[in-house]
């Protein structure tokens, strides 16, 4: 009874959060799983169809394409941002007089809404003559570029814009970690005659493991569930070249009134995120354990 009385204040403190989480997250997930086995259209009665929705999800061409696009995007963005953010963080952690201004410049794009940035870059990269890039090219007497109208370049540009948008924020995460590294490590390395690259390789990079775990996790989960940036920049086009699974779920569930089918896709997507996130976290935390 004493133990129960001790835990009552903690239970009361956690109760509101648990109730809100249950109503907003847990119950919808359970209903999504239930509807995934039905032909529910969101309006009328429904019938159970077994695994039919799941079979369709793996055999429908546009759904498979959207899954493929999402996985490509979810790999390219975290890798690109990490490769660029770590050297940028090292540079911005130097003793330059303008380092605070440079940090602010790189951090600024992450403050603006991704949806707003997507529409801005859509105007800049539009394949029409009214796009900023093509307006400049045609004004110089050159032929306009397809850019967002070409399937290959559209995905590449989507990744580049996303990287540009997230680079400063994740560089800030690494800068915060770099500032916690004791200067004594670098002083000892200098005594041993280590070069700048050796210091980065044997001191800075290994000790960035905690920041890398956090950064990659945020980038990975954010890229897997991305909707606003791809939708604003390319609207999923041309064709299905940049359509993400989140857009397909919304299109099928709301636009086509196929709630059962969309629920099956959503649950497959949820399972994919859970598996990928677990593997990534387990792999990254091993690097942190090596520091101890």
Protein backbone atom coordinates (compact mmCIF):
# COMPACT_ATOMS: atom_id res chain seq x y z
CA UNK A 1 0.00 0.00 0.00
CA UNK A 2 2.89 2.36 0.73
CA UNK A 3 4.30 1.80 -2.75
CA UNK A 4 0.89 2.45 -4.29
CA UNK A 5 0.49 5.68 -2.32
CA UNK A 6 3.94 6.82 -3.42
CA UNK A 7 3.08 6.22 -7.09
CA UNK A 8 -0.34 7.92 -6.98
CA UNK A 9 1.06 11.48 -7.55
CA UNK A 10 3.09 10.23 -10.52
CA UNK A 11 0.08 8.41 -11.96
CA UNK A 12 -2.09 11.52 -11.61
CA UNK A 13 0.64 13.59 -13.27
CA UNK A 14 0.88 11.18 -16.23
CA UNK A 15 -2.86 10.53 -16.54
CA UNK A 16 -3.72 13.56 -18.77
CA UNK A 17 -0.89 12.75 -21.20
CA UNK A 18 -1.87 9.08 -21.33
CA UNK A 19 -5.54 9.93 -21.93
CA UNK A 20 -4.71 12.39 -24.71
CA UNK A 21 -2.26 9.94 -26.32
CA UNK A 22 -4.86 7.16 -26.15
CA UNK A 23 -7.58 9.29 -27.76
CA UNK A 24 -5.42 10.95 -30.43
CA UNK A 25 -3.00 8.14 -31.31
CA UNK A 26 -3.78 4.70 -29.92
CA UNK A 27 -7.50 4.50 -30.72
CA UNK A 28 -7.09 5.83 -34.31
CA UNK A 29 -4.32 3.27 -34.93
CA UNK A 30 -6.57 0.46 -33.71
CA UNK A 31 -9.46 1.65 -35.92
CA UNK A 32 -7.10 2.03 -38.89
CA UNK A 33 -6.00 -1.57 -38.44
CA UNK A 34 -9.64 -2.67 -38.23
CA UNK A 35 -10.72 -0.73 -41.35
CA UNK A 36 -7.77 -2.10 -43.32
CA UNK A 37 -9.62 -5.43 -43.52
CA UNK A 38 -12.82 -3.84 -44.86
CA UNK A 39 -14.08 -2.05 -47.98
CA UNK A 40 -15.19 0.97 -45.91
CA UNK A 41 -15.61 4.12 -48.02
CA UNK A 42 -16.00 6.54 -45.13
CA UNK A 43 -19.76 6.97 -45.58
CA UNK A 44 -21.82 3.80 -45.88
CA UNK A 45 -21.72 0.34 -44.36
CA UNK A 46 -18.76 -1.91 -44.99
CA UNK A 47 -17.88 -5.56 -45.45
CA UNK A 48 -14.82 -7.53 -44.46
CA UNK A 49 -12.53 -8.29 -47.39
CA UNK A 50 -9.71 -10.04 -45.55
CA UNK A 51 -6.22 -9.33 -46.89
CA UNK A 52 -7.51 -7.97 -50.20
CA UNK A 53 -6.50 -4.38 -49.40
CA UNK A 54 -2.98 -5.46 -48.46
CA UNK A 55 -2.64 -7.49 -51.66
CA UNK A 56 -3.78 -4.49 -53.69
CA UNK A 57 -1.30 -2.24 -51.90
CA UNK A 58 1.60 -4.44 -53.03
CA UNK A 59 0.31 -4.90 -56.58
CA UNK A 60 -1.06 -1.45 -57.51
CA UNK A 61 1.51 0.33 -59.66
CA UNK A 62 1.13 3.87 -58.31
CA UNK A 63 1.21 2.64 -54.70
CA UNK A 64 4.40 0.65 -55.28
CA UNK A 65 5.92 3.68 -57.02
CA UNK A 66 5.04 5.94 -54.09
CA UNK A 67 6.60 3.48 -51.64
CA UNK A 68 9.73 3.40 -53.79
CA UNK A 69 9.87 7.20 -53.96
CA UNK A 70 9.45 7.47 -50.19
CA UNK A 71 12.27 5.02 -49.48
CA UNK A 72 14.59 6.78 -51.94
CA UNK A 73 13.77 10.14 -50.39
CA UNK A 74 14.17 8.76 -46.86
CA UNK A 75 17.66 7.46 -47.67
CA UNK A 76 18.96 10.35 -49.78
CA UNK A 77 17.93 13.19 -47.46
CA UNK A 78 19.45 11.90 -44.17
CA UNK A 79 22.67 10.81 -45.89
CA UNK A 80 23.08 14.11 -47.77
CA UNK A 81 22.26 16.30 -44.77
CA UNK A 82 24.59 14.34 -42.47
CA UNK A 83 27.49 14.42 -44.94
CA UNK A 84 27.14 18.20 -45.33
CA UNK A 85 26.05 19.20 -41.81
CA UNK A 86 29.03 17.72 -39.94
CA UNK A 87 31.75 19.59 -41.92
CA UNK A 88 29.59 22.73 -41.81
CA UNK A 89 29.27 22.42 -38.03
CA UNK A 90 33.05 22.04 -37.70
CA UNK A 91 33.62 25.16 -39.81
CA UNK A 92 31.01 27.21 -37.94
CA UNK A 93 32.52 26.12 -34.62
CA UNK A 94 35.76 27.88 -35.52
CA UNK A 95 36.96 31.22 -34.19
CA UNK A 96 35.72 33.35 -37.10
CA UNK A 97 34.36 36.75 -36.12
CA UNK A 98 31.31 36.32 -38.32
CA UNK A 99 30.44 32.80 -37.13
CA UNK A 100 27.22 33.90 -35.39
CA UNK A 101 26.01 35.64 -38.55
CA UNK A 102 26.88 32.61 -40.66
CA UNK A 103 25.07 30.30 -38.25
CA UNK A 104 21.98 32.50 -38.47
CA UNK A 105 22.11 32.49 -42.29
CA UNK A 106 22.30 28.70 -42.49
CA UNK A 107 19.69 28.23 -39.75
CA UNK A 108 17.14 30.64 -41.24
CA UNK A 109 15.62 28.27 -43.90
CA UNK A 110 14.64 25.79 -41.18
CA UNK A 111 12.53 28.45 -39.44
CA UNK A 112 10.21 28.93 -42.43
CA UNK A 113 7.37 26.49 -43.06
CA UNK A 114 8.30 23.65 -45.42
CA UNK A 115 5.08 24.23 -47.32
CA UNK A 116 5.97 27.88 -47.90
CA UNK A 117 9.52 26.99 -48.98
CA UNK A 118 8.14 24.40 -51.38
CA UNK A 119 5.91 26.96 -53.09
CA UNK A 120 8.79 29.47 -53.31
CA UNK A 121 11.08 26.95 -54.97
CA UNK A 122 8.24 25.84 -57.23
CA UNK A 123 8.09 29.41 -58.53
CA UNK A 124 11.88 29.53 -58.90
CA UNK A 125 12.21 26.16 -60.69
CA UNK A 126 8.96 26.14 -62.66
CA UNK A 127 9.39 24.77 -66.18
CA UNK A 128 7.11 27.47 -67.57
CA UNK A 129 8.47 30.72 -68.94
CA UNK A 130 7.26 32.43 -65.76
CA UNK A 131 9.65 30.45 -63.56
CA UNK A 132 12.54 32.53 -62.26
CA UNK A 133 15.31 30.28 -63.60
CA UNK A 134 13.72 29.90 -67.03
CA UNK A 135 12.91 33.61 -67.18
CA UNK A 136 16.61 34.35 -66.75
CA UNK A 137 17.61 31.72 -69.31
CA UNK A 138 15.13 32.86 -71.95
CA UNK A 139 16.13 36.47 -71.27
CA UNK A 140 19.72 35.50 -72.10
CA UNK A 141 18.57 33.82 -75.32
CA UNK A 142 19.01 30.28 -74.01
CA UNK A 143 16.54 27.40 -74.11
CA UNK A 144 14.42 26.82 -71.03
CA UNK A 145 15.01 23.75 -68.84
CA UNK A 146 12.37 21.20 -67.90
CA UNK A 147 13.53 21.00 -64.27
CA UNK A 148 10.38 20.02 -62.30
CA UNK A 149 8.70 18.67 -65.45
CA UNK A 150 11.33 15.97 -65.93
CA UNK A 151 10.85 12.85 -63.72
CA UNK A 152 14.56 12.37 -62.99
CA UNK A 153 15.44 15.99 -62.28
CA UNK A 154 12.21 16.53 -60.28
CA UNK A 155 13.20 13.96 -57.64
CA UNK A 156 16.78 15.25 -57.56
CA UNK A 157 15.61 18.85 -57.09
CA UNK A 158 13.14 17.79 -54.40
CA UNK A 159 15.98 16.15 -52.46
CA UNK A 160 18.27 19.16 -52.93
CA UNK A 161 15.64 21.64 -51.72
CA UNK A 162 14.89 19.47 -48.68
CA UNK A 163 18.59 19.22 -47.87
CA UNK A 164 18.98 22.99 -48.20
CA UNK A 165 16.00 23.51 -45.88
CA UNK A 166 17.26 21.13 -43.15
CA UNK A 167 21.02 21.67 -43.34
CA UNK A 168 21.29 24.61 -40.94
CA UNK A 169 19.08 23.08 -38.26
CA UNK A 170 21.01 19.81 -38.14
CA UNK A 171 24.34 21.61 -38.30
CA UNK A 172 23.20 23.40 -35.12
CA UNK A 173 22.70 20.02 -33.44
CA UNK A 174 26.28 19.06 -34.27
CA UNK A 175 27.60 22.48 -33.20
CA UNK A 176 26.00 22.01 -29.78
CA UNK A 177 27.69 18.60 -29.48
CA UNK A 178 31.08 19.94 -30.62
CA UNK A 179 30.97 22.58 -27.89
CA UNK A 180 30.72 19.84 -25.25
CA UNK A 181 33.98 18.17 -26.38
CA UNK A 182 36.77 18.96 -23.94
CA UNK A 183 39.63 21.07 -25.43
CA UNK A 184 42.06 18.78 -23.59
CA UNK A 185 41.56 16.10 -26.24
CA UNK A 186 42.67 18.48 -28.99
CA UNK A 187 45.58 19.80 -26.92
CA UNK A 188 46.83 16.26 -26.35
CA UNK A 189 46.47 15.52 -30.06
CA UNK A 190 48.53 18.60 -30.93
CA UNK A 191 51.30 17.46 -28.61
CA UNK A 192 51.33 14.14 -30.45
CA UNK A 193 51.62 15.99 -33.76
CA UNK A 194 48.13 15.21 -35.08
CA UNK A 195 46.93 17.09 -38.14
CA UNK A 196 43.57 18.87 -38.41
CA UNK A 197 42.16 15.89 -40.30
CA UNK A 198 43.45 13.48 -37.65
CA UNK A 199 41.72 15.53 -34.94
CA UNK A 200 38.45 15.36 -36.86
CA UNK A 201 38.80 11.66 -37.61
CA UNK A 202 39.84 10.41 -34.18
CA UNK A 203 38.26 12.97 -31.84
CA UNK A 204 35.47 15.09 -33.34
CA UNK A 205 33.70 12.53 -35.52
CA UNK A 206 33.57 9.67 -32.97
CA UNK A 207 32.35 12.03 -30.23
CA UNK A 208 29.53 13.30 -32.46
CA UNK A 209 27.80 9.92 -32.11
CA UNK A 210 25.02 11.15 -29.75
CA UNK A 211 24.20 14.11 -31.99
CA UNK A 212 24.29 11.89 -35.06
CA UNK A 213 21.82 9.46 -33.50
CA UNK A 214 19.36 12.29 -32.83
CA UNK A 215 19.90 14.02 -36.17
CA UNK A 216 19.57 10.90 -38.32
CA UNK A 217 16.48 9.77 -36.40
CA UNK A 218 14.76 13.13 -36.96
CA UNK A 219 15.75 13.17 -40.63
CA UNK A 220 14.72 9.58 -41.24
CA UNK A 221 11.30 9.77 -39.62
CA UNK A 222 10.67 13.22 -41.10
CA UNK A 223 11.56 12.02 -44.60
CA UNK A 224 9.45 8.88 -44.35
CA UNK A 225 6.32 10.85 -43.40
CA UNK A 226 7.07 13.85 -45.65
CA UNK A 227 4.06 15.40 -47.35
CA UNK A 228 4.18 19.20 -47.32
CA UNK A 229 7.48 19.75 -49.16
CA UNK A 230 6.90 17.24 -52.03
CA UNK A 231 3.29 18.35 -52.42
CA UNK A 232 4.13 22.08 -52.53
CA UNK A 233 7.16 21.69 -54.81
CA UNK A 234 5.98 19.13 -57.36
CA UNK A 235 2.43 18.05 -56.33
CA UNK A 236 3.75 14.51 -56.70
CA UNK A 237 4.51 14.95 -60.39
CA UNK A 238 5.36 14.69 -63.12
CA UNK A 239 3.16 11.62 -63.15
CA UNK A 240 4.02 9.71 -59.97
CA UNK A 241 7.75 10.55 -60.09
CA UNK A 242 7.76 12.36 -56.72
CA UNK A 243 4.53 11.08 -55.14
CA UNK A 244 5.10 10.02 -51.55
CA UNK A 245 3.11 7.33 -49.78
CA UNK A 246 1.55 9.94 -47.48
CA UNK A 247 0.06 11.72 -50.50
CA UNK A 248 -1.21 8.42 -51.92
CA UNK A 249 -2.88 7.53 -48.62
CA UNK A 250 -4.67 10.89 -48.52
CA UNK A 251 -5.62 10.70 -52.20
CA UNK A 252 -7.04 7.20 -51.92
CA UNK A 253 -8.62 7.64 -48.49
CA UNK A 254 -10.22 11.06 -48.96
CA UNK A 255 -10.16 11.78 -52.69
CA UNK A 256 -11.28 8.34 -53.88
CA UNK A 257 -13.33 7.41 -50.77
CA UNK A 258 -11.37 4.16 -50.31
CA UNK A 259 -10.82 4.36 -46.58
CA UNK A 260 -10.25 0.61 -46.20
CA UNK A 261 -7.56 0.55 -48.88
CA UNK A 262 -5.93 3.71 -47.51
CA UNK A 263 -5.99 2.21 -44.01
CA UNK A 264 -4.09 -0.85 -45.25
CA UNK A 265 -1.45 1.40 -46.84
CA UNK A 266 -1.25 3.47 -43.67
CA UNK A 267 -0.70 0.41 -41.49
CA UNK A 268 1.99 -0.96 -43.84
CA UNK A 269 3.61 2.46 -43.72
CA UNK A 270 3.40 2.56 -39.91
CA UNK A 271 5.01 -0.86 -39.68
CA UNK A 272 7.77 0.21 -42.09
CA UNK A 273 8.57 3.32 -40.05
CA UNK A 274 8.66 1.30 -36.82
CA UNK A 275 11.05 -1.31 -38.28
CA UNK A 276 13.36 1.21 -39.97
CA UNK A 277 13.48 3.47 -36.91
CA UNK A 278 14.25 0.54 -34.60
CA UNK A 279 17.08 -0.72 -36.81
CA UNK A 280 18.52 2.78 -37.22
CA UNK A 281 18.41 3.52 -33.48
CA UNK A 282 19.98 0.18 -32.58
CA UNK A 283 22.77 0.66 -35.12
CA UNK A 284 23.50 4.26 -34.12
CA UNK A 285 23.47 3.64 -30.37
CA UNK A 286 26.26 1.08 -30.82
CA UNK A 287 28.56 3.98 -31.75
CA UNK A 288 27.53 5.78 -28.57
CA UNK A 289 28.31 2.67 -26.48
CA UNK A 290 31.83 2.61 -27.92
CA UNK A 291 32.52 6.02 -26.36
CA UNK A 292 32.00 4.69 -22.84
